[in-house]
Amino acid sequence: MGRVQLLVPLALLGFLAIAGVDAQDCPNKFRQVGARCLHVSNAIFEDPTFRPVTWGVGRNLCKNMTDAKWTVDLLSNFDVNFLRLVSLNIHNNYPDLSKGYYIYWIGGEYLNDQWQWLDGTPIDPHSYIWLMNCPRINPTGSHTMLVPAGPGGKRQYANEYGPQNVGPSFICEAKSKK
């Protein structure tokens, strides 16, 4: 049993080395999730003056975290497996957010008659990242937000929201400028 317990962490370290992200390599206020560096905003708990924000404001708050080493924007370009990691990260590391059924702006937009990530990569409308019955054939929203699937907040799904909607949180991703 001891060998298996040792092999799992070694395999994870090997994967991270291949993926190019070191466990100590994320910027301040970011946490490694898989091979990516994420910041889940919990400003609503830390700052009594913080108010829920629109997608555009959330995106700007992410971009303002950019520095000489890192480019920061809303989390985008992920599949259902990475979404599971994000959901577990929120549930395990931000229990107040998880219990409160918080919703999080992420980097998906409806542009040119299709859902796409911030870099223009199409988002598969049949992907399991979406909440049931989403996205709609005739979208009512133009941006994506992660919403909890039910009690306990252990699973998040993408849903569409309009530019005027507000959310209490957002998820930023830092990418190295190397």
N, C-alpha and C. Protein backbone atom coordinates (compact mmCIF):
# COMPACT_ATOMS: atom_id res chain seq x y z
N MET A 1 0.82 -1.20 0.00
CA MET A 1 0.00 0.00 0.00
C MET A 1 0.86 1.26 0.00
N GLY A 2 2.01 1.21 0.68
CA GLY A 2 2.90 2.37 0.75
C GLY A 2 3.42 2.79 -0.62
N ARG A 3 3.69 1.82 -1.49
CA ARG A 3 4.17 2.15 -2.84
C ARG A 3 3.13 2.90 -3.64
N VAL A 4 1.87 2.47 -3.54
CA VAL A 4 0.79 3.13 -4.26
C VAL A 4 0.65 4.56 -3.78
N GLN A 5 0.71 4.77 -2.46
CA GLN A 5 0.59 6.11 -1.91
C GLN A 5 1.74 6.99 -2.38
N LEU A 6 2.90 6.44 -2.58
CA LEU A 6 4.05 7.20 -3.07
C LEU A 6 3.96 7.44 -4.57
N LEU A 7 3.45 6.47 -5.32
CA LEU A 7 3.39 6.59 -6.77
C LEU A 7 2.39 7.64 -7.24
N VAL A 8 1.26 7.78 -6.55
CA VAL A 8 0.26 8.75 -6.97
C VAL A 8 0.81 10.18 -6.93
N PRO A 9 1.43 10.63 -5.81
CA PRO A 9 2.00 11.97 -5.82
C PRO A 9 3.11 12.13 -6.86
N LEU A 10 3.93 11.10 -7.05
CA LEU A 10 4.99 11.18 -8.05
C LEU A 10 4.41 11.30 -9.45
N ALA A 11 3.36 10.56 -9.73
CA ALA A 11 2.71 10.65 -11.04
C ALA A 11 2.13 12.05 -11.25
N LEU A 12 1.53 12.62 -10.21
CA LEU A 12 0.99 13.97 -10.30
C LEU A 12 2.09 14.98 -10.56
N LEU A 13 3.20 14.88 -9.86
CA LEU A 13 4.32 15.79 -10.09
C LEU A 13 4.85 15.65 -11.51
N GLY A 14 4.91 14.42 -12.01
CA GLY A 14 5.35 14.20 -13.39
C GLY A 14 4.42 14.86 -14.38
N PHE A 15 3.12 14.73 -14.15
CA PHE A 15 2.14 15.37 -15.02
C PHE A 15 2.30 16.89 -15.00
N LEU A 16 2.47 17.45 -13.81
CA LEU A 16 2.62 18.90 -13.70
C LEU A 16 3.89 19.38 -14.38
N ALA A 17 4.94 18.61 -14.29
CA ALA A 17 6.19 18.98 -14.96
C ALA A 17 6.00 18.99 -16.47
N ILE A 18 5.30 17.99 -16.99
CA ILE A 18 5.02 17.94 -18.43
C ILE A 18 4.13 19.10 -18.83
N ALA A 19 3.15 19.42 -17.99
CA ALA A 19 2.20 20.48 -18.31
C ALA A 19 2.84 21.86 -18.19
N GLY A 20 3.98 21.97 -17.55
CA GLY A 20 4.67 23.24 -17.48
C GLY A 20 4.31 24.13 -16.31
N VAL A 21 3.57 23.63 -15.33
CA VAL A 21 3.22 24.42 -14.16
C VAL A 21 3.77 23.73 -12.93
N ASP A 22 4.54 24.46 -12.17
CA ASP A 22 5.11 23.95 -10.94
C ASP A 22 4.17 24.29 -9.79
N ALA A 23 4.10 23.47 -8.78
CA ALA A 23 3.21 23.71 -7.65
C ALA A 23 3.46 25.07 -7.01
N GLN A 24 4.68 25.58 -7.09
CA GLN A 24 5.03 26.86 -6.50
C GLN A 24 4.99 27.99 -7.54
N ASP A 25 4.51 27.71 -8.73
CA ASP A 25 4.66 28.63 -9.84
C ASP A 25 3.49 29.59 -10.05
N CYS A 26 2.42 29.49 -9.31
CA CYS A 26 1.29 30.39 -9.48
C CYS A 26 1.56 31.71 -8.77
N PRO A 27 1.02 32.80 -9.32
CA PRO A 27 1.22 34.09 -8.66
C PRO A 27 0.45 34.18 -7.34
N ASN A 28 0.77 35.20 -6.57
CA ASN A 28 0.09 35.46 -5.31
C ASN A 28 -1.42 35.57 -5.55
N LYS A 29 -2.21 35.02 -4.65
CA LYS A 29 -3.67 35.00 -4.69
C LYS A 29 -4.23 33.98 -5.67
N PHE A 30 -3.37 33.18 -6.30
CA PHE A 30 -3.82 32.16 -7.22
C PHE A 30 -3.50 30.80 -6.63
N ARG A 31 -4.33 29.81 -6.99
CA ARG A 31 -4.17 28.45 -6.50
C ARG A 31 -4.06 27.54 -7.72
N GLN A 32 -3.19 26.57 -7.61
CA GLN A 32 -3.05 25.62 -8.70
C GLN A 32 -4.23 24.66 -8.70
N VAL A 33 -4.88 24.54 -9.85
CA VAL A 33 -5.97 23.59 -10.05
C VAL A 33 -5.60 22.82 -11.30
N GLY A 34 -5.31 21.53 -11.13
CA GLY A 34 -4.75 20.78 -12.26
C GLY A 34 -3.42 21.41 -12.61
N ALA A 35 -3.24 21.76 -13.86
CA ALA A 35 -2.00 22.40 -14.31
C ALA A 35 -2.21 23.88 -14.59
N ARG A 36 -3.26 24.46 -14.01
CA ARG A 36 -3.58 25.86 -14.27
C ARG A 36 -3.61 26.65 -12.97
N CYS A 37 -3.43 27.96 -13.09
CA CYS A 37 -3.42 28.86 -11.94
C CYS A 37 -4.71 29.67 -11.91
N LEU A 38 -5.54 29.43 -10.87
CA LEU A 38 -6.85 30.08 -10.79
C LEU A 38 -6.98 30.92 -9.53
N HIS A 39 -7.76 31.97 -9.66
CA HIS A 39 -8.14 32.81 -8.54
C HIS A 39 -9.66 32.85 -8.49
N VAL A 40 -10.24 32.34 -7.42
CA VAL A 40 -11.69 32.41 -7.21
C VAL A 40 -11.92 33.62 -6.33
N SER A 41 -12.58 34.61 -6.87
CA SER A 41 -12.82 35.84 -6.10
C SER A 41 -13.77 35.55 -4.94
N ASN A 42 -13.33 35.91 -3.77
CA ASN A 42 -14.21 35.85 -2.60
C ASN A 42 -14.25 37.22 -1.94
N ALA A 43 -14.10 38.26 -2.78
CA ALA A 43 -14.09 39.64 -2.29
C ALA A 43 -15.35 39.99 -1.53
N ILE A 44 -16.45 39.36 -1.88
CA ILE A 44 -17.71 39.66 -1.21
C ILE A 44 -17.64 39.32 0.29
N PHE A 45 -16.74 38.39 0.67
CA PHE A 45 -16.55 38.05 2.08
C PHE A 45 -15.46 38.90 2.73
N GLU A 46 -14.49 39.33 1.94
CA GLU A 46 -13.34 40.06 2.47
C GLU A 46 -13.56 41.57 2.56
N ASP A 47 -14.42 42.11 1.72
CA ASP A 47 -14.61 43.56 1.64
C ASP A 47 -16.10 43.88 1.76
N PRO A 48 -16.51 44.48 2.88
CA PRO A 48 -17.94 44.76 3.08
C PRO A 48 -18.52 45.74 2.06
N THR A 49 -17.66 46.48 1.34
CA THR A 49 -18.15 47.43 0.35
C THR A 49 -18.28 46.81 -1.05
N PHE A 50 -17.77 45.56 -1.21
CA PHE A 50 -17.82 44.91 -2.53
C PHE A 50 -19.26 44.56 -2.88
N ARG A 51 -19.64 44.84 -4.09
CA ARG A 51 -20.98 44.51 -4.58
C ARG A 51 -20.87 43.57 -5.77
N PRO A 52 -21.90 42.76 -6.03
CA PRO A 52 -21.87 41.89 -7.21
C PRO A 52 -21.59 42.70 -8.47
N VAL A 53 -20.95 42.04 -9.43
CA VAL A 53 -20.47 42.73 -10.63
C VAL A 53 -21.02 42.09 -11.90
N THR A 54 -21.01 42.86 -12.98
CA THR A 54 -21.36 42.33 -14.29
C THR A 54 -20.19 41.54 -14.83
N TRP A 55 -20.41 40.81 -15.92
CA TRP A 55 -19.36 40.04 -16.57
C TRP A 55 -18.20 40.96 -16.97
N GLY A 56 -18.51 42.09 -17.56
CA GLY A 56 -17.46 43.02 -18.00
C GLY A 56 -16.61 43.53 -16.85
N VAL A 57 -17.23 43.86 -15.74
CA VAL A 57 -16.48 44.33 -14.57
C VAL A 57 -15.63 43.19 -14.00
N GLY A 58 -16.21 41.98 -13.90
CA GLY A 58 -15.44 40.83 -13.42
C GLY A 58 -14.22 40.58 -14.30
N ARG A 59 -14.41 40.68 -15.61
CA ARG A 59 -13.29 40.47 -16.54
C ARG A 59 -12.22 41.54 -16.33
N ASN A 60 -12.63 42.78 -16.16
CA ASN A 60 -11.66 43.84 -15.93
C ASN A 60 -10.91 43.65 -14.61
N LEU A 61 -11.61 43.18 -13.58
CA LEU A 61 -10.94 42.91 -12.31
C LEU A 61 -9.87 41.83 -12.48
N CYS A 62 -10.17 40.82 -13.30
CA CYS A 62 -9.16 39.79 -13.60
C CYS A 62 -7.99 40.42 -14.35
N LYS A 63 -8.28 41.16 -15.41
CA LYS A 63 -7.22 41.75 -16.24
C LYS A 63 -6.32 42.69 -15.42
N ASN A 64 -6.89 43.33 -14.42
CA ASN A 64 -6.11 44.24 -13.58
C ASN A 64 -5.10 43.50 -12.71
N MET A 65 -5.20 42.17 -12.64
CA MET A 65 -4.24 41.36 -11.87
C MET A 65 -3.02 41.00 -12.73
N THR A 66 -3.03 41.37 -14.00
CA THR A 66 -1.91 41.11 -14.90
C THR A 66 -0.69 41.86 -14.40
N ASP A 67 0.48 41.22 -14.50
CA ASP A 67 1.73 41.89 -14.13
C ASP A 67 2.81 41.52 -15.15
N ALA A 68 4.06 41.79 -14.81
CA ALA A 68 5.16 41.56 -15.75
C ALA A 68 5.33 40.09 -16.13
N LYS A 69 4.96 39.16 -15.22
CA LYS A 69 5.16 37.73 -15.47
C LYS A 69 3.90 37.00 -15.94
N TRP A 70 2.73 37.56 -15.65
CA TRP A 70 1.48 36.84 -15.85
C TRP A 70 0.45 37.67 -16.61
N THR A 71 -0.28 37.00 -17.50
CA THR A 71 -1.46 37.58 -18.15
C THR A 71 -2.67 36.95 -17.48
N VAL A 72 -3.62 37.78 -17.08
CA VAL A 72 -4.78 37.28 -16.33
C VAL A 72 -6.06 37.68 -17.05
N ASP A 73 -6.99 36.74 -17.12
CA ASP A 73 -8.32 36.97 -17.70
C ASP A 73 -9.28 35.99 -17.04
N LEU A 74 -10.55 36.08 -17.38
CA LEU A 74 -11.52 35.12 -16.87
C LEU A 74 -11.14 33.71 -17.31
N LEU A 75 -11.44 32.73 -16.49
CA LEU A 75 -11.20 31.32 -16.81
C LEU A 75 -11.97 30.96 -18.07
N SER A 76 -11.28 30.32 -19.01
CA SER A 76 -11.96 29.84 -20.22
C SER A 76 -11.22 28.63 -20.78
N ASN A 77 -11.74 28.11 -21.88
CA ASN A 77 -11.16 26.96 -22.57
C ASN A 77 -10.96 25.76 -21.64
N PHE A 78 -12.05 25.16 -21.21
CA PHE A 78 -11.93 23.96 -20.39
C PHE A 78 -12.98 22.94 -20.80
N ASP A 79 -12.73 21.71 -20.39
CA ASP A 79 -13.67 20.63 -20.68
C ASP A 79 -14.33 20.18 -19.38
N VAL A 80 -15.19 19.17 -19.48
CA VAL A 80 -15.95 18.72 -18.32
C VAL A 80 -15.02 18.15 -17.23
N ASN A 81 -13.92 17.53 -17.60
CA ASN A 81 -13.01 16.99 -16.59
C ASN A 81 -12.36 18.11 -15.78
N PHE A 82 -11.95 19.18 -16.45
CA PHE A 82 -11.37 20.30 -15.71
C PHE A 82 -12.45 21.00 -14.89
N LEU A 83 -13.67 21.07 -15.40
CA LEU A 83 -14.76 21.67 -14.63
C LEU A 83 -14.97 20.92 -13.32
N ARG A 84 -14.82 19.59 -13.35
CA ARG A 84 -14.94 18.82 -12.11
C ARG A 84 -13.86 19.24 -11.11
N LEU A 85 -12.63 19.46 -11.59
CA LEU A 85 -11.56 19.92 -10.70
C LEU A 85 -11.88 21.30 -10.12
N VAL A 86 -12.39 22.19 -10.96
CA VAL A 86 -12.76 23.53 -10.50
C VAL A 86 -13.85 23.43 -9.44
N SER A 87 -14.85 22.61 -9.70
CA SER A 87 -15.96 22.44 -8.74
C SER A 87 -15.45 21.92 -7.40
N LEU A 88 -14.58 20.92 -7.44
CA LEU A 88 -14.01 20.39 -6.19
C LEU A 88 -13.15 21.42 -5.48
N ASN A 89 -12.39 22.19 -6.24
CA ASN A 89 -11.56 23.25 -5.65
C ASN A 89 -12.43 24.25 -4.90
N ILE A 90 -13.52 24.67 -5.51
CA ILE A 90 -14.42 25.62 -4.86
C ILE A 90 -15.02 24.99 -3.61
N HIS A 91 -15.52 23.78 -3.75
CA HIS A 91 -16.17 23.11 -2.62
C HIS A 91 -15.20 22.90 -1.45
N ASN A 92 -13.98 22.48 -1.74
CA ASN A 92 -13.02 22.16 -0.68
C ASN A 92 -12.31 23.38 -0.10
N ASN A 93 -12.06 24.40 -0.90
CA ASN A 93 -11.24 25.53 -0.45
C ASN A 93 -12.01 26.80 -0.15
N TYR A 94 -13.25 26.87 -0.58
CA TYR A 94 -14.07 28.05 -0.35
C TYR A 94 -15.44 27.61 0.16
N PRO A 95 -15.48 27.01 1.35
CA PRO A 95 -16.75 26.43 1.83
C PRO A 95 -17.87 27.46 1.98
N ASP A 96 -17.54 28.70 2.32
CA ASP A 96 -18.59 29.72 2.44
C ASP A 96 -19.24 30.00 1.09
N LEU A 97 -18.42 30.03 0.05
CA LEU A 97 -18.97 30.24 -1.30
C LEU A 97 -19.80 29.04 -1.72
N SER A 98 -19.31 27.84 -1.40
CA SER A 98 -19.99 26.61 -1.78
C SER A 98 -21.35 26.50 -1.09
N LYS A 99 -21.39 26.82 0.20
CA LYS A 99 -22.65 26.74 0.95
C LYS A 99 -23.65 27.79 0.49
N GLY A 100 -23.14 28.91 0.01
CA GLY A 100 -24.01 30.02 -0.36
C GLY A 100 -24.54 29.97 -1.78
N TYR A 101 -24.31 28.84 -2.47
CA TYR A 101 -24.78 28.69 -3.85
C TYR A 101 -24.27 29.83 -4.74
N TYR A 102 -23.03 30.20 -4.55
CA TYR A 102 -22.48 31.30 -5.32
C TYR A 102 -22.31 30.95 -6.78
N ILE A 103 -22.39 31.97 -7.60
CA ILE A 103 -22.22 31.85 -9.03
C ILE A 103 -20.98 32.63 -9.43
N TYR A 104 -20.33 32.21 -10.50
CA TYR A 104 -19.02 32.74 -10.87
C TYR A 104 -18.97 33.06 -12.36
N TRP A 105 -18.63 34.28 -12.68
CA TRP A 105 -18.42 34.62 -14.09
C TRP A 105 -17.21 33.87 -14.62
N ILE A 106 -17.32 33.37 -15.85
CA ILE A 106 -16.21 32.73 -16.55
C ILE A 106 -16.16 33.28 -17.97
N GLY A 107 -15.13 32.92 -18.72
CA GLY A 107 -14.86 33.52 -20.01
C GLY A 107 -15.50 32.91 -21.22
N GLY A 108 -16.80 32.82 -21.26
CA GLY A 108 -17.50 32.40 -22.46
C GLY A 108 -18.43 33.51 -22.93
N GLU A 109 -18.53 33.68 -24.25
CA GLU A 109 -19.38 34.73 -24.82
C GLU A 109 -20.18 34.18 -25.99
N TYR A 110 -21.32 34.78 -26.23
CA TYR A 110 -22.09 34.47 -27.43
C TYR A 110 -21.82 35.56 -28.44
N LEU A 111 -21.03 35.23 -29.46
CA LEU A 111 -20.65 36.17 -30.51
C LEU A 111 -20.80 35.51 -31.86
N ASN A 112 -21.21 36.27 -32.86
CA ASN A 112 -21.31 35.76 -34.22
C ASN A 112 -22.13 34.47 -34.29
N ASP A 113 -23.24 34.44 -33.57
CA ASP A 113 -24.17 33.31 -33.57
C ASP A 113 -23.58 32.01 -33.03
N GLN A 114 -22.58 32.10 -32.15
CA GLN A 114 -22.06 30.88 -31.51
C GLN A 114 -21.47 31.22 -30.15
N TRP A 115 -21.46 30.21 -29.27
CA TRP A 115 -20.79 30.34 -27.99
C TRP A 115 -19.32 30.07 -28.20
N GLN A 116 -18.48 30.93 -27.64
CA GLN A 116 -17.04 30.77 -27.79
C GLN A 116 -16.30 31.26 -26.56
N TRP A 117 -15.09 30.70 -26.40
CA TRP A 117 -14.22 31.13 -25.32
C TRP A 117 -13.59 32.47 -25.71
N LEU A 118 -12.92 33.10 -24.79
CA LEU A 118 -12.35 34.42 -25.02
C LEU A 118 -11.38 34.47 -26.19
N ASP A 119 -10.72 33.36 -26.50
CA ASP A 119 -9.77 33.35 -27.62
C ASP A 119 -10.45 33.02 -28.95
N GLY A 120 -11.77 32.89 -28.95
CA GLY A 120 -12.51 32.60 -30.17
C GLY A 120 -12.77 31.12 -30.41
N THR A 121 -12.21 30.24 -29.58
CA THR A 121 -12.46 28.81 -29.72
C THR A 121 -13.94 28.52 -29.44
N PRO A 122 -14.63 27.82 -30.35
CA PRO A 122 -16.06 27.52 -30.11
C PRO A 122 -16.26 26.65 -28.86
N ILE A 123 -17.36 26.88 -28.17
CA ILE A 123 -17.77 26.04 -27.05
C ILE A 123 -18.83 25.09 -27.58
N ASP A 124 -18.60 23.82 -27.44
CA ASP A 124 -19.55 22.82 -27.92
C ASP A 124 -20.87 22.98 -27.16
N PRO A 125 -21.98 23.28 -27.86
CA PRO A 125 -23.25 23.45 -27.16
C PRO A 125 -23.79 22.16 -26.56
N HIS A 126 -23.20 21.02 -26.93
CA HIS A 126 -23.63 19.73 -26.39
C HIS A 126 -22.71 19.22 -25.29
N SER A 127 -21.72 20.02 -24.92
CA SER A 127 -20.76 19.63 -23.90
C SER A 127 -21.44 19.52 -22.54
N TYR A 128 -20.91 18.63 -21.72
CA TYR A 128 -21.45 18.45 -20.37
C TYR A 128 -21.02 19.56 -19.41
N ILE A 129 -20.38 20.60 -19.92
CA ILE A 129 -20.10 21.74 -19.04
C ILE A 129 -21.36 22.56 -18.81
N TRP A 130 -22.34 22.43 -19.70
CA TRP A 130 -23.55 23.24 -19.64
C TRP A 130 -24.59 22.68 -18.67
N LEU A 131 -25.31 23.58 -18.04
CA LEU A 131 -26.48 23.24 -17.24
C LEU A 131 -27.52 22.61 -18.17
N MET A 132 -28.35 21.72 -17.64
CA MET A 132 -29.38 21.08 -18.47
C MET A 132 -30.21 22.14 -19.19
N ASN A 133 -30.50 21.89 -20.45
CA ASN A 133 -31.27 22.78 -21.33
C ASN A 133 -30.54 24.07 -21.68
N CYS A 134 -29.25 24.08 -21.51
CA CYS A 134 -28.44 25.22 -21.91
C CYS A 134 -27.31 24.72 -22.80
N PRO A 135 -26.81 25.54 -23.66
CA PRO A 135 -27.34 26.87 -23.97
C PRO A 135 -28.62 26.75 -24.79
N ARG A 136 -29.42 27.78 -24.72
CA ARG A 136 -30.68 27.77 -25.46
C ARG A 136 -30.41 27.94 -26.96
N ILE A 137 -31.34 27.46 -27.78
CA ILE A 137 -31.20 27.62 -29.23
C ILE A 137 -31.19 29.09 -29.60
N ASN A 138 -32.05 29.86 -28.97
CA ASN A 138 -32.06 31.32 -29.14
C ASN A 138 -31.65 31.92 -27.81
N PRO A 139 -30.34 32.09 -27.60
CA PRO A 139 -29.85 32.53 -26.29
C PRO A 139 -30.47 33.83 -25.80
N THR A 140 -30.73 33.86 -24.51
CA THR A 140 -31.21 35.08 -23.89
C THR A 140 -30.05 35.81 -23.23
N GLY A 141 -28.92 35.14 -23.11
CA GLY A 141 -27.75 35.73 -22.50
C GLY A 141 -26.62 35.84 -23.49
N SER A 142 -25.57 36.52 -23.06
CA SER A 142 -24.42 36.70 -23.95
C SER A 142 -23.11 36.33 -23.27
N HIS A 143 -23.17 35.94 -22.00
CA HIS A 143 -21.97 35.60 -21.25
C HIS A 143 -22.22 34.36 -20.40
N THR A 144 -21.13 33.72 -19.94
CA THR A 144 -21.28 32.49 -19.18
C THR A 144 -20.93 32.68 -17.71
N MET A 145 -21.65 31.93 -16.90
CA MET A 145 -21.45 31.94 -15.47
C MET A 145 -21.56 30.49 -14.98
N LEU A 146 -20.70 30.13 -14.03
CA LEU A 146 -20.84 28.81 -13.40
C LEU A 146 -21.87 28.92 -12.30
N VAL A 147 -22.79 27.96 -12.28
CA VAL A 147 -23.85 27.93 -11.28
C VAL A 147 -23.81 26.56 -10.61
N PRO A 148 -24.19 26.47 -9.32
CA PRO A 148 -24.19 25.17 -8.65
C PRO A 148 -25.31 24.28 -9.17
N ALA A 149 -25.04 22.98 -9.20
CA ALA A 149 -26.02 22.02 -9.70
C ALA A 149 -27.10 21.72 -8.67
N GLY A 150 -26.81 21.95 -7.42
CA GLY A 150 -27.80 21.63 -6.38
C GLY A 150 -27.20 21.81 -5.01
N PRO A 151 -27.85 21.27 -3.99
CA PRO A 151 -27.38 21.43 -2.61
C PRO A 151 -25.93 20.97 -2.43
N GLY A 152 -25.21 21.74 -1.66
CA GLY A 152 -23.83 21.38 -1.34
C GLY A 152 -22.81 21.94 -2.30
N GLY A 153 -23.22 22.39 -3.47
CA GLY A 153 -22.33 23.04 -4.40
C GLY A 153 -21.14 22.23 -4.88
N LYS A 154 -21.27 20.90 -4.92
CA LYS A 154 -20.12 20.08 -5.31
C LYS A 154 -19.92 20.02 -6.81
N ARG A 155 -20.86 20.53 -7.57
CA ARG A 155 -20.73 20.48 -9.04
C ARG A 155 -21.26 21.78 -9.61
N GLN A 156 -20.50 22.36 -10.50
CA GLN A 156 -20.89 23.60 -11.17
C GLN A 156 -21.16 23.29 -12.65
N TYR A 157 -21.99 24.09 -13.26
CA TYR A 157 -22.28 24.00 -14.69
C TYR A 157 -22.30 25.41 -15.27
N ALA A 158 -22.03 25.50 -16.57
CA ALA A 158 -22.11 26.79 -17.27
C ALA A 158 -23.56 27.11 -17.59
N ASN A 159 -23.91 28.36 -17.46
CA ASN A 159 -25.24 28.85 -17.81
C ASN A 159 -25.05 30.20 -18.50
N GLU A 160 -26.03 30.61 -19.26
CA GLU A 160 -25.94 31.88 -19.97
C GLU A 160 -26.64 32.98 -19.18
N TYR A 161 -26.02 34.15 -19.19
CA TYR A 161 -26.57 35.33 -18.52
C TYR A 161 -26.33 36.53 -19.41
N GLY A 162 -27.16 37.55 -19.22
CA GLY A 162 -27.04 38.77 -20.01
C GLY A 162 -26.00 39.73 -19.46
N PRO A 163 -25.62 40.71 -20.26
CA PRO A 163 -24.57 41.66 -19.85
C PRO A 163 -24.99 42.55 -18.67
N GLN A 164 -26.29 42.68 -18.43
CA GLN A 164 -26.77 43.50 -17.33
C GLN A 164 -26.84 42.72 -16.01
N ASN A 165 -26.77 41.38 -16.07
CA ASN A 165 -26.83 40.57 -14.86
C ASN A 165 -25.57 40.76 -14.02
N VAL A 166 -25.70 40.55 -12.73
CA VAL A 166 -24.55 40.66 -11.83
C VAL A 166 -24.35 39.35 -11.08
N GLY A 167 -23.13 39.10 -10.67
CA GLY A 167 -22.78 37.93 -9.88
C GLY A 167 -21.82 38.31 -8.78
N PRO A 168 -21.84 37.58 -7.67
CA PRO A 168 -20.99 37.92 -6.54
C PRO A 168 -19.53 37.48 -6.69
N SER A 169 -19.23 36.69 -7.72
CA SER A 169 -17.88 36.15 -7.81
C SER A 169 -17.51 35.89 -9.27
N PHE A 170 -16.23 35.67 -9.49
CA PHE A 170 -15.70 35.39 -10.82
C PHE A 170 -14.43 34.56 -10.63
N ILE A 171 -14.04 33.85 -11.68
CA ILE A 171 -12.84 33.02 -11.61
C ILE A 171 -11.86 33.52 -12.66
N CYS A 172 -10.66 33.87 -12.20
CA CYS A 172 -9.60 34.37 -13.08
C CYS A 172 -8.58 33.26 -13.30
N GLU A 173 -7.92 33.31 -14.45
CA GLU A 173 -6.82 32.39 -14.74
C GLU A 173 -5.59 33.20 -15.09
N ALA A 174 -4.46 32.84 -14.48
CA ALA A 174 -3.18 33.48 -14.80
C ALA A 174 -2.39 32.54 -15.71
N LYS A 175 -1.86 33.11 -16.79
CA LYS A 175 -1.01 32.36 -17.71
C LYS A 175 0.34 33.05 -17.78
N SER A 176 1.38 32.25 -17.68
CA SER A 176 2.74 32.78 -17.70
C SER A 176 3.04 33.44 -19.05
N LYS A 177 3.76 34.55 -19.00
CA LYS A 177 4.16 35.25 -20.22
C LYS A 177 5.44 34.66 -20.81
N LYS A 178 6.00 33.62 -20.16
CA LYS A 178 7.26 33.01 -20.64
C LYS A 178 7.17 32.60 -22.07
